[in-house]
Amino acid sequence: MRCAIYTRKSDEEGLAQPFNSLDAQHESAEAYILSQQHAGWILLAGRYDDGGFTGAHLERPGLQRLLSDLGAGSQWHANRAAARQYRKARWSH
């Protein structure tokens, strides 16, 4: 399974630090994906980060780039929080 990592922080506080919340989220997700290599998980190159963007809507540059990179008809799996947000946004339009 090909895996991409999306990270988000709703405010910009601390993002200028050399290692910030987005880095910590990415590092944690990367470690988990690498731990699943035996099951065929492959981490794709690239980062999809949105620092300073609310989760209340899907108009976030990093998320939009991820969705665009996935392309129409691609199969993808998201964690429960992301999937719940996707369904909510889909039905609200």
Protein backbone atom coordinates (compact mmCIF):
# COMPACT_ATOMS: atom_id res chain seq x y z
CA MET A 1 0.00 0.00 0.00
CA ARG A 2 1.37 3.40 -0.95
CA CYS A 3 1.23 5.86 1.94
CA ALA A 4 1.41 9.64 2.10
CA ILE A 5 1.58 11.70 5.26
CA TYR A 6 -0.57 14.77 5.83
CA THR A 7 0.03 17.00 8.86
CA ARG A 8 -1.82 20.05 10.13
CA LYS A 9 -1.62 22.56 12.96
CA SER A 10 -4.44 25.05 13.34
CA ASP A 11 -2.25 27.98 14.37
CA GLU A 12 1.22 29.18 13.50
CA GLU A 13 2.55 29.20 17.06
CA GLY A 14 5.89 27.43 17.20
CA LEU A 15 6.10 26.65 13.48
CA ALA A 16 9.28 28.72 13.08
CA GLN A 17 11.15 26.38 15.44
CA PRO A 18 13.68 24.01 13.83
CA PHE A 19 11.56 21.04 14.96
CA ASN A 20 7.88 21.81 15.33
CA SER A 21 4.51 20.07 15.67
CA LEU A 22 4.28 19.30 11.95
CA ASP A 23 7.72 17.67 12.09
CA ALA A 24 6.71 15.62 15.14
CA GLN A 25 3.50 14.47 13.45
CA HIS A 26 5.40 13.54 10.29
CA GLU A 27 8.10 11.70 12.23
CA SER A 28 5.51 9.68 14.16
CA ALA A 29 3.53 8.75 11.04
CA GLU A 30 6.70 7.88 9.14
CA ALA A 31 7.84 5.56 11.94
CA TYR A 32 4.47 3.80 11.90
CA ILE A 33 4.49 3.37 8.13
CA LEU A 34 8.05 2.01 8.23
CA SER A 35 6.98 -0.44 10.95
CA GLN A 36 4.41 -1.80 8.48
CA GLN A 37 6.82 -2.45 5.62
CA HIS A 38 6.40 -6.18 6.24
CA ALA A 39 2.76 -5.72 5.20
CA GLY A 40 3.73 -3.94 2.00
CA TRP A 41 3.35 -0.34 3.14
CA ILE A 42 5.53 2.09 1.15
CA LEU A 43 6.08 5.70 2.17
CA LEU A 44 5.77 8.06 -0.78
CA ALA A 45 8.16 10.97 -1.11
CA GLY A 46 6.94 14.47 -0.42
CA ARG A 47 5.33 16.26 2.46
CA TYR A 48 1.79 17.52 2.74
CA ASP A 49 1.77 20.04 5.58
CA ASP A 50 -0.68 22.77 6.54
CA GLY A 51 0.61 24.98 9.33
CA GLY A 52 -1.79 27.66 10.49
CA PHE A 53 -4.90 26.24 8.83
CA THR A 54 -8.10 25.31 10.60
CA GLY A 55 -9.57 21.86 10.20
CA ALA A 56 -13.06 23.32 9.80
CA HIS A 57 -12.87 23.18 6.01
CA LEU A 58 -10.94 21.45 3.26
CA GLU A 59 -9.53 24.61 1.68
CA ARG A 60 -5.97 23.94 2.80
CA PRO A 61 -3.04 24.04 0.35
CA GLY A 62 -1.29 20.91 1.60
CA LEU A 63 -4.49 18.87 1.68
CA GLN A 64 -5.52 20.08 -1.77
CA ARG A 65 -2.09 19.15 -3.16
CA LEU A 66 -2.39 15.69 -1.59
CA LEU A 67 -5.85 15.15 -3.06
CA SER A 68 -4.65 16.38 -6.43
CA ASP A 69 -1.63 14.06 -6.32
CA LEU A 70 -3.91 11.15 -5.52
CA GLY A 71 -5.75 11.80 -8.76
CA ALA A 72 -9.23 10.84 -9.80
CA GLY A 73 -10.10 7.22 -9.18
CA SER A 74 -7.12 6.48 -6.95
CA GLN A 75 -7.65 4.18 -4.05
CA TRP A 76 -6.67 5.67 -0.73
CA HIS A 77 -7.08 5.08 2.94
CA ALA A 78 -7.19 7.75 5.58
CA ASN A 79 -7.19 7.53 9.32
CA ARG A 80 -10.55 7.80 11.02
CA ALA A 81 -10.36 11.54 11.73
CA ALA A 82 -9.49 12.41 8.15
CA ALA A 83 -12.13 10.09 6.75
CA ARG A 84 -14.79 11.58 9.04
CA GLN A 85 -13.84 15.09 7.93
CA TYR A 86 -13.89 14.06 4.26
CA ARG A 87 -17.40 12.59 4.61
CA LYS A 88 -18.62 15.68 6.47
CA ALA A 89 -17.25 18.02 3.79
CA ARG A 90 -18.59 15.86 0.98
CA TRP A 91 -22.14 15.97 2.34
CA SER A 92 -22.06 19.67 3.20
CA HIS A 93 -21.53 20.76 -0.44
